[in-house]
Every structure is written in structure tokens, then in C-alpha cells.
């Protein structure tokens, strides 16, 4: 019983930390710090796959790739698309 409670607490705490990292990434992106934002998005996706935060990071990376493509930065967009596969 105690082990289950510890796991629940750890999961809840980790979820909060992942939410904070995702929030930081969104903040960096809104400020125009795309490199920092993308580093955090990739870290969430690579290190915490299957989490809600990783899925949100995936959507944000796709949005950013589309923005790069619209801006004419097709090589950068393609690199993001390929890594997302």
C-alpha cells in the first residue's frame, strides 16, 4: 500500500515538473527564443515519451516547423519534420 502511494506521489510530482518545463518552453517560444524552446520541447519528447507533456511538445514542434516552412526556411522545417517521424 505504501509503495503505491509513493508511486502516485512521484508520478504527480514528476507531472508537475514536466508541466513546468513545458511552460518554460512555451514562454521561450513566445519571447522569440526559439532555440531554447526547441531544446526543451525535444528534451520532453526524447526523455519523457508517452507523457501528455511530450505530446504537447510534439504539437509545438510541428507548429514551429510549419512556421519555418512558411517563412521559407524549408531545410530547418524538413529537419524538424524528419526528426518527428
PDB file of N, CA and C in Angstrom:
ATOM      1  N   UNK A   1       0.811  -1.191   0.000  1.00  0.00           N
ATOM      2  CA  UNK A   1       0.000   0.000   0.000  1.00  0.00           C
ATOM      3  C   UNK A   1       0.863   1.267   0.000  1.00  0.00           C
ATOM      4  N   UNK A   2       1.908   1.279   0.831  1.00  0.00           N
ATOM      5  CA  UNK A   2       2.780   2.447   0.877  1.00  0.00           C
ATOM      6  C   UNK A   2       3.531   2.629  -0.430  1.00  0.00           C
ATOM      7  N   UNK A   3       3.916   1.525  -1.062  1.00  0.00           N
ATOM      8  CA  UNK A   3       4.632   1.615  -2.334  1.00  0.00           C
ATOM      9  C   UNK A   3       3.754   2.264  -3.391  1.00  0.00           C
ATOM     10  N   UNK A   4       2.471   1.900  -3.427  1.00  0.00           N
ATOM     11  CA  UNK A   4       1.558   2.502  -4.393  1.00  0.00           C
ATOM     12  C   UNK A   4       1.404   3.996  -4.138  1.00  0.00           C
ATOM     13  N   UNK A   5       1.306   4.389  -2.885  1.00  0.00           N
ATOM     14  CA  UNK A   5       1.184   5.799  -2.533  1.00  0.00           C
ATOM     15  C   UNK A   5       2.437   6.559  -2.942  1.00  0.00           C
ATOM     16  N   UNK A   6       3.605   5.983  -2.729  1.00  0.00           N
ATOM     17  CA  UNK A   6       4.861   6.625  -3.127  1.00  0.00           C
ATOM     18  C   UNK A   6       4.919   6.795  -4.636  1.00  0.00           C
ATOM     19  N   UNK A   7       4.464   5.784  -5.374  1.00  0.00           N
ATOM     20  CA  UNK A   7       4.460   5.871  -6.837  1.00  0.00           C
ATOM     21  C   UNK A   7       3.512   6.971  -7.287  1.00  0.00           C
ATOM     22  N   UNK A   8       2.327   7.056  -6.668  1.00  0.00           N
ATOM     23  CA  UNK A   8       1.374   8.102  -7.017  1.00  0.00           C
ATOM     24  C   UNK A   8       1.951   9.486  -6.757  1.00  0.00           C
ATOM     25  N   UNK A   9       2.620   9.656  -5.622  1.00  0.00           N
ATOM     26  CA  UNK A   9       3.227  10.942  -5.279  1.00  0.00           C
ATOM     27  C   UNK A   9       4.329  11.276  -6.272  1.00  0.00           C
ATOM     28  N   UNK A  10       5.177  10.310  -6.593  1.00  0.00           N
ATOM     29  CA  UNK A  10       6.250  10.536  -7.562  1.00  0.00           C
ATOM     30  C   UNK A  10       5.680  10.911  -8.922  1.00  0.00           C
ATOM     31  N   UNK A  11       4.650  10.208  -9.366  1.00  0.00           N
ATOM     32  CA  UNK A  11       4.038  10.497 -10.662  1.00  0.00           C
ATOM     33  C   UNK A  11       3.450  11.898 -10.685  1.00  0.00           C
ATOM     34  N   UNK A  12       2.777  12.265  -9.620  1.00  0.00           N
ATOM     35  CA  UNK A  12       2.182  13.593  -9.530  1.00  0.00           C
ATOM     36  C   UNK A  12       3.261  14.670  -9.532  1.00  0.00           C
ATOM     37  N   UNK A  13       4.316  14.453  -8.761  1.00  0.00           N
ATOM     38  CA  UNK A  13       5.418  15.410  -8.687  1.00  0.00           C
ATOM     39  C   UNK A  13       6.111  15.531 -10.040  1.00  0.00           C
ATOM     40  N   UNK A  14       6.391  14.387 -10.669  1.00  0.00           N
ATOM     41  CA  UNK A  14       7.039  14.404 -11.981  1.00  0.00           C
ATOM     42  C   UNK A  14       6.164  15.101 -13.009  1.00  0.00           C
ATOM     43  N   UNK A  15       4.868  14.863 -12.950  1.00  0.00           N
ATOM     44  CA  UNK A  15       3.949  15.533 -13.867  1.00  0.00           C
ATOM     45  C   UNK A  15       4.007  17.043 -13.705  1.00  0.00           C
ATOM     46  N   UNK A  16       4.094  17.499 -12.465  1.00  0.00           N
ATOM     47  CA  UNK A  16       4.191  18.940 -12.211  1.00  0.00           C
ATOM     48  C   UNK A  16       5.496  19.502 -12.762  1.00  0.00           C
ATOM     49  N   UNK A  17       6.580  18.756 -12.593  1.00  0.00           N
ATOM     50  CA  UNK A  17       7.867  19.212 -13.137  1.00  0.00           C
ATOM     51  C   UNK A  17       7.825  19.279 -14.659  1.00  0.00           C
ATOM     52  N   UNK A  18       7.234  18.271 -15.278  1.00  0.00           N
ATOM     53  CA  UNK A  18       7.120  18.269 -16.736  1.00  0.00           C
ATOM     54  C   UNK A  18       6.244  19.423 -17.206  1.00  0.00           C
ATOM     55  N   UNK A  19       5.181  19.721 -16.462  1.00  0.00           N
ATOM     56  CA  UNK A  19       4.339  20.877 -16.793  1.00  0.00           C
ATOM     57  C   UNK A  19       5.141  22.169 -16.733  1.00  0.00           C
ATOM     58  N   UNK A  20       6.003  22.288 -15.725  1.00  0.00           N
ATOM     59  CA  UNK A  20       6.827  23.492 -15.592  1.00  0.00           C
ATOM     60  C   UNK A  20       7.794  23.629 -16.768  1.00  0.00           C
ATOM     61  N   UNK A  21       8.423  22.517 -17.149  1.00  0.00           N
ATOM     62  CA  UNK A  21       9.344  22.557 -18.290  1.00  0.00           C
ATOM     63  C   UNK A  21       8.611  22.917 -19.573  1.00  0.00           C
ATOM     64  N   UNK A  22       7.438  22.351 -19.767  1.00  0.00           N
ATOM     65  CA  UNK A  22       6.644  22.677 -20.952  1.00  0.00           C
ATOM     66  C   UNK A  22       6.256  24.153 -20.937  1.00  0.00           C
ATOM     67  N   UNK A  23       5.868  24.653 -19.776  1.00  0.00           N
ATOM     68  CA  UNK A  23       5.534  26.069 -19.652  1.00  0.00           C
ATOM     69  C   UNK A  23       6.719  26.964 -19.968  1.00  0.00           C
ATOM     70  N   UNK A  24       7.901  26.566 -19.518  1.00  0.00           N
ATOM     71  CA  UNK A  24       9.111  27.336 -19.830  1.00  0.00           C
ATOM     72  C   UNK A  24       9.364  27.344 -21.333  1.00  0.00           C
ATOM     73  N   UNK A  25       9.188  26.198 -21.966  1.00  0.00           N
ATOM     74  CA  UNK A  25       9.393  26.116 -23.416  1.00  0.00           C
ATOM     75  C   UNK A  25       8.421  27.044 -24.140  1.00  0.00           C
ATOM     76  N   UNK A  26       7.156  27.025 -23.727  1.00  0.00           N
ATOM     77  CA  UNK A  26       6.164  27.919 -24.344  1.00  0.00           C
ATOM     78  C   UNK A  26       6.550  29.382 -24.122  1.00  0.00           C
ATOM     79  N   UNK A  27       7.044  29.687 -22.938  1.00  0.00           N
ATOM     80  CA  UNK A  27       7.454  31.060 -22.630  1.00  0.00           C
ATOM     81  C   UNK A  27       8.630  31.484 -23.514  1.00  0.00           C
ATOM     82  N   UNK A  28       9.630  30.621 -23.626  1.00  0.00           N
ATOM     83  CA  UNK A  28      10.758  30.927 -24.511  1.00  0.00           C
ATOM     84  C   UNK A  28      10.274  31.183 -25.934  1.00  0.00           C
ATOM     85  N   UNK A  29       9.370  30.339 -26.396  1.00  0.00           N
ATOM     86  CA  UNK A  29       8.867  30.491 -27.768  1.00  0.00           C
ATOM     87  C   UNK A  29       8.138  31.820 -27.931  1.00  0.00           C
ATOM     88  N   UNK A  30       7.315  32.179 -26.958  1.00  0.00           N
ATOM     89  CA  UNK A  30       6.562  33.435 -27.059  1.00  0.00           C
ATOM     90  C   UNK A  30       7.484  34.651 -27.030  1.00  0.00           C
ATOM     91  N   UNK A  31       8.648  34.511 -26.407  1.00  0.00           N
ATOM     92  CA  UNK A  31       9.636  35.599 -26.371  1.00  0.00           C
ATOM     93  C   UNK A  31      10.531  35.614 -27.601  1.00  0.00           C
ATOM     94  N   UNK A  32      10.389  34.612 -28.465  1.00  0.00           N
ATOM     95  CA  UNK A  32      11.224  34.538 -29.655  1.00  0.00           C
ATOM     96  C   UNK A  32      12.519  33.780 -29.457  1.00  0.00           C
ATOM     97  N   UNK A  33      12.702  33.161 -28.297  1.00  0.00           N
ATOM     98  CA  UNK A  33      13.896  32.350 -28.033  1.00  0.00           C
ATOM     99  C   UNK A  33      13.648  30.927 -28.532  1.00  0.00           C
ATOM    100  N   UNK A  34      13.621  30.794 -29.851  1.00  0.00           N
ATOM    101  CA  UNK A  34      13.218  29.523 -30.450  1.00  0.00           C
ATOM    102  C   UNK A  34      14.198  28.398 -30.163  1.00  0.00           C
ATOM    103  N   UNK A  35      15.483  28.704 -30.128  1.00  0.00           N
ATOM    104  CA  UNK A  35      16.464  27.646 -29.864  1.00  0.00           C
ATOM    105  C   UNK A  35      16.242  27.024 -28.489  1.00  0.00           C
ATOM    106  N   UNK A  36      16.077  27.876 -27.488  1.00  0.00           N
ATOM    107  CA  UNK A  36      15.847  27.361 -26.137  1.00  0.00           C
ATOM    108  C   UNK A  36      14.524  26.609 -26.050  1.00  0.00           C
ATOM    109  N   UNK A  37      13.501  27.145 -26.696  1.00  0.00           N
ATOM    110  CA  UNK A  37      12.193  26.484 -26.686  1.00  0.00           C
ATOM    111  C   UNK A  37      12.286  25.107 -27.323  1.00  0.00           C
ATOM    112  N   UNK A  38      12.923  25.042 -28.475  1.00  0.00           N
ATOM    113  CA  UNK A  38      13.012  23.762 -29.176  1.00  0.00           C
ATOM    114  C   UNK A  38      13.853  22.759 -28.402  1.00  0.00           C
ATOM    115  N   UNK A  39      14.904  23.216 -27.732  1.00  0.00           N
ATOM    116  CA  UNK A  39      15.708  22.301 -26.904  1.00  0.00           C
ATOM    117  C   UNK A  39      14.846  21.657 -25.820  1.00  0.00           C
ATOM    118  N   UNK A  40      14.010  22.462 -25.174  1.00  0.00           N
ATOM    119  CA  UNK A  40      13.138  21.915 -24.134  1.00  0.00           C
ATOM    120  C   UNK A  40      12.073  20.997 -24.725  1.00  0.00           C
ATOM    121  N   UNK A  41      11.491  21.397 -25.857  1.00  0.00           N
ATOM    122  CA  UNK A  41      10.489  20.532 -26.496  1.00  0.00           C
ATOM    123  C   UNK A  41      11.101  19.179 -26.853  1.00  0.00           C
ATOM    124  N   UNK A  42      12.298  19.193 -27.449  1.00  0.00           N
ATOM    125  CA  UNK A  42      12.955  17.929 -27.812  1.00  0.00           C
ATOM    126  C   UNK A  42      13.282  17.109 -26.569  1.00  0.00           C
ATOM    127  N   UNK A  43      13.728  17.765 -25.512  1.00  0.00           N
ATOM    128  CA  UNK A  43      14.050  17.036 -24.278  1.00  0.00           C
ATOM    129  C   UNK A  43      12.808  16.349 -23.722  1.00  0.00           C
ATOM    130  N   UNK A  44      11.693  17.053 -23.719  1.00  0.00           N
ATOM    131  CA  UNK A  44      10.448  16.443 -23.238  1.00  0.00           C
ATOM    132  C   UNK A  44      10.060  15.254 -24.101  1.00  0.00           C
ATOM    133  N   UNK A  45      10.177  15.423 -25.392  1.00  0.00           N
ATOM    134  CA  UNK A  45       9.788  14.361 -26.321  1.00  0.00           C
ATOM    135  C   UNK A  45      10.725  13.162 -26.229  1.00  0.00           C
ATOM    136  N   UNK A  46      12.022  13.422 -26.140  1.00  0.00           N
ATOM    137  CA  UNK A  46      13.006  12.334 -26.129  1.00  0.00           C
ATOM    138  C   UNK A  46      13.110  11.624 -24.776  1.00  0.00           C
ATOM    139  N   UNK A  47      13.047  12.398 -23.699  1.00  0.00           N
ATOM    140  CA  UNK A  47      13.285  11.820 -22.374  1.00  0.00           C
ATOM    141  C   UNK A  47      12.019  11.360 -21.659  1.00  0.00           C
ATOM    142  N   UNK A  48      10.866  11.857 -22.111  1.00  0.00           N
ATOM    143  CA  UNK A  48       9.608  11.535 -21.423  1.00  0.00           C
ATOM    144  C   UNK A  48       8.518  11.157 -22.424  1.00  0.00           C
ATOM    145  N   UNK A  49       8.814  10.235 -23.342  1.00  0.00           N
ATOM    146  CA  UNK A  49       7.820   9.862 -24.356  1.00  0.00           C
ATOM    147  C   UNK A  49       6.582   9.255 -23.696  1.00  0.00           C
ATOM    148  N   UNK A  50       5.465   9.452 -24.335  1.00  0.00           N
ATOM    149  CA  UNK A  50       4.232   8.881 -23.813  1.00  0.00           C
ATOM    150  C   UNK A  50       3.521   9.746 -22.788  1.00  0.00           C
ATOM    151  N   UNK A  51       4.158  10.843 -22.374  1.00  0.00           N
ATOM    152  CA  UNK A  51       3.505  11.738 -21.416  1.00  0.00           C
ATOM    153  C   UNK A  51       2.669  12.770 -22.168  1.00  0.00           C
ATOM    154  N   UNK A  52       1.735  13.341 -21.460  1.00  0.00           N
ATOM    155  CA  UNK A  52       0.906  14.405 -22.032  1.00  0.00           C
ATOM    156  C   UNK A  52       1.791  15.569 -22.462  1.00  0.00           C
ATOM    157  N   UNK A  53       2.791  15.865 -21.664  1.00  0.00           N
ATOM    158  CA  UNK A  53       3.689  16.982 -21.962  1.00  0.00           C
ATOM    159  C   UNK A  53       4.506  16.710 -23.224  1.00  0.00           C
ATOM    160  N   UNK A  54       4.915  15.476 -23.426  1.00  0.00           N
ATOM    161  CA  UNK A  54       5.658  15.126 -24.640  1.00  0.00           C
ATOM    162  C   UNK A  54       4.775  15.291 -25.869  1.00  0.00           C
ATOM    163  N   UNK A  55       3.514  14.919 -25.753  1.00  0.00           N
ATOM    164  CA  UNK A  55       2.602  15.083 -26.882  1.00  0.00           C
ATOM    165  C   UNK A  55       2.372  16.562 -27.186  1.00  0.00           C
ATOM    166  N   UNK A  56       2.282  17.370 -26.158  1.00  0.00           N
ATOM    167  CA  UNK A  56       2.143  18.807 -26.359  1.00  0.00           C
ATOM    168  C   UNK A  56       3.401  19.385 -26.997  1.00  0.00           C
ATOM    169  N   UNK A  57       4.559  18.903 -26.566  1.00  0.00           N
ATOM    170  CA  UNK A  57       5.823  19.339 -27.160  1.00  0.00           C
ATOM    171  C   UNK A  57       5.872  18.961 -28.634  1.00  0.00           C
ATOM    172  N   UNK A  58       5.388  17.768 -28.975  1.00  0.00           N
ATOM    173  CA  UNK A  58       5.349  17.320 -30.370  1.00  0.00           C
ATOM    174  C   UNK A  58       4.501  18.279 -31.213  1.00  0.00           C
ATOM    175  N   UNK A  59       3.346  18.659 -30.702  1.00  0.00           N
ATOM    176  CA  UNK A  59       2.467  19.591 -31.417  1.00  0.00           C
ATOM    177  C   UNK A  59       3.158  20.939 -31.592  1.00  0.00           C
ATOM    178  N   UNK A  60       3.818  21.413 -30.552  1.00  0.00           N
ATOM    179  CA  UNK A  60       4.525  22.697 -30.635  1.00  0.00           C
ATOM    180  C   UNK A  60       5.666  22.642 -31.641  1.00  0.00           C
ATOM    181  N   UNK A  61       6.380  21.530 -31.684  1.00  0.00           N
ATOM    182  CA  UNK A  61       7.463  21.379 -32.664  1.00  0.00           C
ATOM    183  C   UNK A  61       6.906  21.350 -34.084  1.00  0.00           C
ATOM    184  N   UNK A  62       5.794  20.679 -34.274  1.00  0.00           N
ATOM    185  CA  UNK A  62       5.164  20.656 -35.592  1.00  0.00           C
ATOM    186  C   UNK A  62       4.719  22.058 -35.990  1.00  0.00           C
ATOM    187  N   UNK A  63       4.117  22.788 -35.068  1.00  0.00           N
ATOM    188  CA  UNK A  63       3.716  24.174 -35.340  1.00  0.00           C
ATOM    189  C   UNK A  63       4.919  25.022 -35.733  1.00  0.00           C
ATOM    190  N   UNK A  64       6.031  24.843 -35.019  1.00  0.00           N
ATOM    191  CA  UNK A  64       7.225  25.627 -35.322  1.00  0.00           C
ATOM    192  C   UNK A  64       7.795  25.252 -36.680  1.00  0.00           C
ATOM    193  N   UNK A  65       7.785  23.969 -37.005  1.00  0.00           N
ATOM    194  CA  UNK A  65       8.267  23.535 -38.321  1.00  0.00           C
ATOM    195  C   UNK A  65       7.419  24.154 -39.426  1.00  0.00           C
ATOM    196  N   UNK A  66       6.112  24.186 -39.221  1.00  0.00           N
ATOM    197  CA  UNK A  66       5.229  24.811 -40.209  1.00  0.00           C
ATOM    198  C   UNK A  66       5.527  26.298 -40.350  1.00  0.00           C
ATOM    199  N   UNK A  67       5.832  26.960 -39.235  1.00  0.00           N
ATOM    200  CA  UNK A  67       6.191  28.380 -39.278  1.00  0.00           C
ATOM    201  C   UNK A  67       7.499  28.582 -40.045  1.00  0.00           C
ATOM    202  N   UNK A  68       8.470  27.707 -39.816  1.00  0.00           N
ATOM    203  CA  UNK A  68       9.723  27.781 -40.576  1.00  0.00           C
ATOM    204  C   UNK A  68       9.456  27.604 -42.064  1.00  0.00           C
ATOM    205  N   UNK A  69       8.602  26.658 -42.400  1.00  0.00           N
ATOM    206  CA  UNK A  69       8.299  26.405 -43.811  1.00  0.00           C
ATOM    207  C   UNK A  69       7.637  27.626 -44.450  1.00  0.00           C
ATOM    208  N   UNK A  70       6.675  28.212 -43.759  1.00  0.00           N
ATOM    209  CA  UNK A  70       6.007  29.413 -44.282  1.00  0.00           C
ATOM    210  C   UNK A  70       6.986  30.567 -44.459  1.00  0.00           C
ATOM    211  N   UNK A  71       7.998  30.636 -43.585  1.00  0.00           N
ATOM    212  CA  UNK A  71       8.990  31.716 -43.643  1.00  0.00           C
ATOM    213  C   UNK A  71      10.080  31.445 -44.676  1.00  0.00           C
ATOM    214  N   UNK A  72       9.998  30.299 -45.342  1.00  0.00           N
ATOM    215  CA  UNK A  72      10.980  29.975 -46.366  1.00  0.00           C
ATOM    216  C   UNK A  72      12.186  29.199 -45.865  1.00  0.00           C
ATOM    217  N   UNK A  73      12.195  28.844 -44.593  1.00  0.00           N
ATOM    218  CA  UNK A  73      13.310  28.068 -44.025  1.00  0.00           C
ATOM    219  C   UNK A  73      12.983  26.581 -44.162  1.00  0.00           C
ATOM    220  N   UNK A  74      12.940  26.136 -45.403  1.00  0.00           N
ATOM    221  CA  UNK A  74      12.487  24.770 -45.684  1.00  0.00           C
ATOM    222  C   UNK A  74      13.439  23.699 -45.154  1.00  0.00           C
ATOM    223  N   UNK A  75      14.731  23.971 -45.165  1.00  0.00           N
ATOM    224  CA  UNK A  75      15.683  22.972 -44.646  1.00  0.00           C
ATOM    225  C   UNK A  75      15.483  22.741 -43.151  1.00  0.00           C
ATOM    226  N   UNK A  76      15.280  23.815 -42.433  1.00  0.00           N
ATOM    227  CA  UNK A  76      15.048  23.692 -40.993  1.00  0.00           C
ATOM    228  C   UNK A  76      13.730  22.964 -40.750  1.00  0.00           C
ATOM    229  N   UNK A  77      12.702  23.355 -41.493  1.00  0.00           N
ATOM    230  CA  UNK A  77      11.398  22.701 -41.353  1.00  0.00           C
ATOM    231  C   UNK A  77      11.512  21.211 -41.638  1.00  0.00           C
ATOM    232  N   UNK A  78      12.210  20.874 -42.704  1.00  0.00           N
ATOM    233  CA  UNK A  78      12.363  19.460 -43.066  1.00  0.00           C
ATOM    234  C   UNK A  78      13.088  18.680 -41.969  1.00  0.00           C
ATOM    235  N   UNK A  79      14.121  19.273 -41.397  1.00  0.00           N
ATOM    236  CA  UNK A  79      14.864  18.599 -40.324  1.00  0.00           C
ATOM    237  C   UNK A  79      13.946  18.299 -39.136  1.00  0.00           C
ATOM    238  N   UNK A  80      13.086  19.240 -38.799  1.00  0.00           N
ATOM    239  CA  UNK A  80      12.155  19.022 -37.689  1.00  0.00           C
ATOM    240  C   UNK A  80      11.148  17.944 -38.062  1.00  0.00           C
ATOM    241  N   UNK A  81      10.574  18.034 -39.269  1.00  0.00           N
ATOM    242  CA  UNK A  81       9.605  17.021 -39.708  1.00  0.00           C
ATOM    243  C   UNK A  81      10.219  15.625 -39.648  1.00  0.00           C
ATOM    244  N   UNK A  82      11.438  15.497 -40.164  1.00  0.00           N
ATOM    245  CA  UNK A  82      12.082  14.176 -40.198  1.00  0.00           C
ATOM    246  C   UNK A  82      12.372  13.651 -38.794  1.00  0.00           C
ATOM    247  N   UNK A  83      12.774  14.527 -37.911  1.00  0.00           N
ATOM    248  CA  UNK A  83      13.055  14.078 -36.542  1.00  0.00           C
ATOM    249  C   UNK A  83      11.762  13.688 -35.817  1.00  0.00           C
ATOM    250  N   UNK A  84      10.663  14.323 -36.168  1.00  0.00           N
ATOM    251  CA  UNK A  84       9.381  13.999 -35.547  1.00  0.00           C
ATOM    252  C   UNK A  84       8.832  12.645 -35.994  1.00  0.00           C
ATOM    253  N   UNK A  85       9.334  12.136 -37.113  1.00  0.00           N
ATOM    254  CA  UNK A  85       8.823  10.843 -37.606  1.00  0.00           C
ATOM    255  C   UNK A  85       9.157   9.697 -36.692  1.00  0.00           C
TER     256      UNK A  85
END
